[in-house]
Amino acid sequence: MQVVEVGTNAQYQKEFIQFPVRLYRNDSCWIRPLDTDVEEIFDPARNKRFEHGECVRFLLLNDKAETIGRIAAFIDQEIANLDNDQPQVGGVL
């Protein structure tokens, strides 16, 4: 198993978007989000949360180099550096 960073790799960026399409293709309850809506989340020019933060995306690949998962890690420095004892949690994509 391997974890690879998506970064600016166009093939990985496309795979990050397409993986859920394959994963949920037989789930009649799954509603596919617009690709542009997902891409907007990771675009610093269009997502205002990047003013104080950043994001890193990863793909999880099996031994055959097939995608078996995806991860996005976000941090907002403004919130993370608040003087409190509250843990910071994120969501799953």
N, C-alpha and C. Protein backbone atom coordinates (compact mmCIF):
# COMPACT_ATOMS: atom_id res chain seq x y z
N MET A 1 0.85 -1.17 0.00
CA MET A 1 0.00 0.00 0.00
C MET A 1 0.89 1.23 0.00
N GLN A 2 0.40 2.31 -0.63
CA GLN A 2 1.19 3.52 -0.78
C GLN A 2 0.28 4.75 -0.67
N VAL A 3 0.77 5.78 0.00
CA VAL A 3 0.07 7.06 0.08
C VAL A 3 0.86 8.05 -0.77
N VAL A 4 0.19 8.65 -1.77
CA VAL A 4 0.86 9.61 -2.64
C VAL A 4 0.16 10.96 -2.54
N GLU A 5 0.96 12.02 -2.53
CA GLU A 5 0.40 13.36 -2.50
C GLU A 5 -0.10 13.75 -3.88
N VAL A 6 -1.28 14.35 -3.93
CA VAL A 6 -1.87 14.77 -5.20
C VAL A 6 -1.09 15.94 -5.78
N GLY A 7 -0.84 16.96 -4.96
CA GLY A 7 -0.07 18.12 -5.40
C GLY A 7 -0.57 18.72 -6.70
N THR A 8 0.34 19.00 -7.61
CA THR A 8 -0.02 19.61 -8.90
C THR A 8 -0.07 18.58 -10.03
N ASN A 9 0.02 17.31 -9.69
CA ASN A 9 -0.02 16.24 -10.68
C ASN A 9 -1.44 16.15 -11.26
N ALA A 10 -1.59 16.48 -12.53
CA ALA A 10 -2.92 16.52 -13.17
C ALA A 10 -3.62 15.17 -13.13
N GLN A 11 -2.87 14.10 -13.31
CA GLN A 11 -3.47 12.75 -13.29
C GLN A 11 -4.01 12.43 -11.89
N TYR A 12 -3.26 12.77 -10.85
CA TYR A 12 -3.71 12.53 -9.49
C TYR A 12 -4.90 13.43 -9.14
N GLN A 13 -4.89 14.66 -9.63
CA GLN A 13 -6.02 15.56 -9.37
C GLN A 13 -7.30 15.00 -9.97
N LYS A 14 -7.20 14.49 -11.19
CA LYS A 14 -8.37 13.89 -11.85
C LYS A 14 -8.81 12.63 -11.09
N GLU A 15 -7.85 11.81 -10.67
CA GLU A 15 -8.17 10.59 -9.93
C GLU A 15 -8.86 10.91 -8.60
N PHE A 16 -8.43 12.00 -7.95
CA PHE A 16 -9.05 12.40 -6.70
C PHE A 16 -10.54 12.68 -6.89
N ILE A 17 -10.89 13.27 -8.02
CA ILE A 17 -12.29 13.57 -8.35
C ILE A 17 -13.04 12.31 -8.78
N GLN A 18 -12.41 11.45 -9.59
CA GLN A 18 -13.09 10.31 -10.19
C GLN A 18 -13.23 9.10 -9.27
N PHE A 19 -12.38 8.98 -8.26
CA PHE A 19 -12.44 7.80 -7.40
C PHE A 19 -13.83 7.56 -6.80
N PRO A 20 -14.49 8.56 -6.20
CA PRO A 20 -15.82 8.29 -5.64
C PRO A 20 -16.85 7.87 -6.69
N VAL A 21 -16.66 8.32 -7.92
CA VAL A 21 -17.59 7.94 -8.99
C VAL A 21 -17.56 6.42 -9.18
N ARG A 22 -16.36 5.86 -9.17
CA ARG A 22 -16.24 4.39 -9.29
C ARG A 22 -16.69 3.70 -8.01
N LEU A 23 -16.30 4.25 -6.88
CA LEU A 23 -16.60 3.62 -5.59
C LEU A 23 -18.11 3.50 -5.37
N TYR A 24 -18.84 4.54 -5.71
CA TYR A 24 -20.28 4.57 -5.41
C TYR A 24 -21.17 4.32 -6.63
N ARG A 25 -20.60 3.83 -7.71
CA ARG A 25 -21.36 3.67 -8.96
C ARG A 25 -22.61 2.81 -8.80
N ASN A 26 -22.62 1.88 -7.89
CA ASN A 26 -23.79 1.00 -7.70
C ASN A 26 -24.66 1.41 -6.52
N ASP A 27 -24.37 2.54 -5.92
CA ASP A 27 -25.14 3.03 -4.77
C ASP A 27 -26.19 4.02 -5.26
N SER A 28 -27.43 3.59 -5.29
CA SER A 28 -28.49 4.45 -5.82
C SER A 28 -28.78 5.66 -4.93
N CYS A 29 -28.28 5.64 -3.71
CA CYS A 29 -28.49 6.77 -2.79
C CYS A 29 -27.42 7.84 -2.92
N TRP A 30 -26.33 7.54 -3.60
CA TRP A 30 -25.24 8.50 -3.73
C TRP A 30 -25.57 9.53 -4.79
N ILE A 31 -25.40 10.78 -4.44
CA ILE A 31 -25.61 11.88 -5.38
C ILE A 31 -24.24 12.49 -5.67
N ARG A 32 -23.83 12.43 -6.90
CA ARG A 32 -22.51 12.92 -7.28
C ARG A 32 -22.47 14.44 -7.22
N PRO A 33 -21.49 14.99 -6.50
CA PRO A 33 -21.34 16.44 -6.52
C PRO A 33 -20.76 16.89 -7.86
N LEU A 34 -20.97 18.14 -8.19
CA LEU A 34 -20.37 18.66 -9.41
C LEU A 34 -18.85 18.70 -9.25
N ASP A 35 -18.14 18.31 -10.29
CA ASP A 35 -16.68 18.33 -10.24
C ASP A 35 -16.17 19.73 -9.90
N THR A 36 -16.81 20.75 -10.46
CA THR A 36 -16.36 22.12 -10.19
C THR A 36 -16.54 22.49 -8.72
N ASP A 37 -17.57 21.98 -8.07
CA ASP A 37 -17.76 22.25 -6.65
C ASP A 37 -16.65 21.62 -5.81
N VAL A 38 -16.26 20.40 -6.16
CA VAL A 38 -15.18 19.73 -5.43
C VAL A 38 -13.86 20.45 -5.70
N GLU A 39 -13.59 20.78 -6.94
CA GLU A 39 -12.35 21.47 -7.30
C GLU A 39 -12.24 22.82 -6.60
N GLU A 40 -13.35 23.50 -6.44
CA GLU A 40 -13.37 24.81 -5.78
C GLU A 40 -12.87 24.73 -4.34
N ILE A 41 -13.16 23.63 -3.67
CA ILE A 41 -12.72 23.45 -2.28
C ILE A 41 -11.20 23.52 -2.19
N PHE A 42 -10.51 23.04 -3.20
CA PHE A 42 -9.05 22.95 -3.17
C PHE A 42 -8.36 24.06 -3.96
N ASP A 43 -9.11 25.05 -4.39
CA ASP A 43 -8.54 26.16 -5.15
C ASP A 43 -8.40 27.39 -4.25
N PRO A 44 -7.17 27.77 -3.91
CA PRO A 44 -6.97 28.93 -3.02
C PRO A 44 -7.58 30.22 -3.55
N ALA A 45 -7.72 30.34 -4.86
CA ALA A 45 -8.30 31.55 -5.43
C ALA A 45 -9.81 31.61 -5.24
N ARG A 46 -10.45 30.46 -5.06
CA ARG A 46 -11.91 30.43 -4.93
C ARG A 46 -12.41 30.04 -3.55
N ASN A 47 -11.54 29.54 -2.67
CA ASN A 47 -11.96 29.13 -1.34
C ASN A 47 -11.36 30.09 -0.31
N LYS A 48 -12.20 30.88 0.31
CA LYS A 48 -11.72 31.92 1.23
C LYS A 48 -11.04 31.35 2.47
N ARG A 49 -11.24 30.07 2.78
CA ARG A 49 -10.59 29.47 3.95
C ARG A 49 -9.08 29.36 3.78
N PHE A 50 -8.60 29.51 2.56
CA PHE A 50 -7.17 29.46 2.31
C PHE A 50 -6.47 30.76 2.72
N GLU A 51 -7.23 31.78 3.11
CA GLU A 51 -6.61 33.04 3.55
C GLU A 51 -5.70 32.81 4.74
N HIS A 52 -6.06 31.87 5.62
CA HIS A 52 -5.29 31.60 6.83
C HIS A 52 -4.88 30.14 6.93
N GLY A 53 -5.01 29.40 5.84
CA GLY A 53 -4.74 27.98 5.96
C GLY A 53 -4.25 27.36 4.67
N GLU A 54 -4.21 26.05 4.69
CA GLU A 54 -3.76 25.30 3.54
C GLU A 54 -4.38 23.90 3.56
N CYS A 55 -4.18 23.19 2.47
CA CYS A 55 -4.74 21.85 2.33
C CYS A 55 -3.75 20.98 1.57
N VAL A 56 -3.71 19.73 1.93
CA VAL A 56 -2.91 18.74 1.22
C VAL A 56 -3.82 17.55 0.93
N ARG A 57 -3.78 17.07 -0.31
CA ARG A 57 -4.59 15.91 -0.69
C ARG A 57 -3.69 14.71 -0.97
N PHE A 58 -4.23 13.53 -0.66
CA PHE A 58 -3.49 12.29 -0.87
C PHE A 58 -4.40 11.24 -1.48
N LEU A 59 -3.80 10.33 -2.22
CA LEU A 59 -4.49 9.13 -2.70
C LEU A 59 -3.85 7.93 -2.03
N LEU A 60 -4.66 6.96 -1.68
CA LEU A 60 -4.17 5.70 -1.12
C LEU A 60 -4.24 4.67 -2.24
N LEU A 61 -3.10 4.09 -2.59
CA LEU A 61 -3.02 3.14 -3.69
C LEU A 61 -2.68 1.75 -3.16
N ASN A 62 -3.27 0.73 -3.78
CA ASN A 62 -2.93 -0.65 -3.40
C ASN A 62 -1.67 -1.07 -4.15
N ASP A 63 -1.29 -2.33 -4.00
CA ASP A 63 -0.06 -2.83 -4.62
C ASP A 63 -0.12 -2.87 -6.15
N LYS A 64 -1.31 -2.75 -6.70
CA LYS A 64 -1.47 -2.71 -8.16
C LYS A 64 -1.59 -1.28 -8.67
N ALA A 65 -1.32 -0.30 -7.79
CA ALA A 65 -1.40 1.14 -8.10
C ALA A 65 -2.83 1.58 -8.40
N GLU A 66 -3.81 0.86 -7.85
CA GLU A 66 -5.22 1.24 -7.98
C GLU A 66 -5.62 2.05 -6.76
N THR A 67 -6.39 3.09 -6.97
CA THR A 67 -6.83 3.93 -5.86
C THR A 67 -7.84 3.18 -5.01
N ILE A 68 -7.58 3.18 -3.69
CA ILE A 68 -8.51 2.53 -2.76
C ILE A 68 -8.99 3.50 -1.69
N GLY A 69 -8.56 4.75 -1.78
CA GLY A 69 -9.02 5.75 -0.84
C GLY A 69 -8.44 7.12 -1.17
N ARG A 70 -8.98 8.14 -0.52
CA ARG A 70 -8.47 9.49 -0.68
C ARG A 70 -8.58 10.23 0.63
N ILE A 71 -7.67 11.17 0.82
CA ILE A 71 -7.59 11.92 2.07
C ILE A 71 -7.34 13.38 1.73
N ALA A 72 -7.97 14.27 2.46
CA ALA A 72 -7.67 15.70 2.36
C ALA A 72 -7.45 16.21 3.78
N ALA A 73 -6.32 16.84 3.99
CA ALA A 73 -5.98 17.38 5.31
C ALA A 73 -5.95 18.90 5.22
N PHE A 74 -6.77 19.55 6.05
CA PHE A 74 -6.87 21.01 6.06
C PHE A 74 -6.36 21.55 7.39
N ILE A 75 -5.75 22.72 7.34
CA ILE A 75 -5.43 23.43 8.58
C ILE A 75 -5.69 24.91 8.35
N ASP A 76 -6.37 25.51 9.31
CA ASP A 76 -6.60 26.95 9.33
C ASP A 76 -5.76 27.47 10.48
N GLN A 77 -4.65 28.13 10.18
CA GLN A 77 -3.72 28.59 11.20
C GLN A 77 -4.38 29.55 12.19
N GLU A 78 -5.31 30.34 11.72
CA GLU A 78 -5.99 31.29 12.60
C GLU A 78 -6.75 30.56 13.70
N ILE A 79 -7.43 29.50 13.35
CA ILE A 79 -8.19 28.73 14.33
C ILE A 79 -7.27 27.83 15.15
N ALA A 80 -6.29 27.20 14.49
CA ALA A 80 -5.39 26.28 15.18
C ALA A 80 -4.56 26.98 16.25
N ASN A 81 -4.30 28.27 16.07
CA ASN A 81 -3.46 28.99 17.02
C ASN A 81 -4.23 29.75 18.09
N LEU A 82 -5.54 29.49 18.17
CA LEU A 82 -6.31 30.10 19.25
C LEU A 82 -5.83 29.53 20.58
N ASP A 83 -5.88 30.35 21.60
CA ASP A 83 -5.42 29.90 22.92
C ASP A 83 -6.55 29.18 23.64
N ASN A 84 -6.76 27.90 23.27
CA ASN A 84 -7.77 27.09 23.93
C ASN A 84 -7.34 25.64 23.93
N ASP A 85 -8.04 24.83 24.66
CA ASP A 85 -7.70 23.42 24.79
C ASP A 85 -8.61 22.53 23.94
N GLN A 86 -9.32 23.11 23.00
CA GLN A 86 -10.24 22.34 22.18
C GLN A 86 -9.48 21.63 21.07
N PRO A 87 -9.75 20.35 20.87
CA PRO A 87 -9.10 19.64 19.76
C PRO A 87 -9.67 20.13 18.43
N GLN A 88 -8.88 20.07 17.42
CA GLN A 88 -9.30 20.45 16.08
C GLN A 88 -9.66 19.17 15.33
N VAL A 89 -10.83 19.16 14.71
CA VAL A 89 -11.24 17.98 13.97
C VAL A 89 -11.61 18.40 12.56
N GLY A 90 -11.59 17.46 11.66
CA GLY A 90 -11.92 17.72 10.27
C GLY A 90 -12.97 16.74 9.80
N GLY A 91 -13.27 16.81 8.52
CA GLY A 91 -14.27 15.95 7.94
C GLY A 91 -13.64 14.96 6.98
N VAL A 92 -14.46 14.08 6.47
CA VAL A 92 -14.02 13.06 5.52
C VAL A 92 -14.65 13.39 4.18
N LEU A 93 -13.89 13.26 3.14
CA LEU A 93 -14.41 13.49 1.79
C LEU A 93 -14.82 12.20 1.15
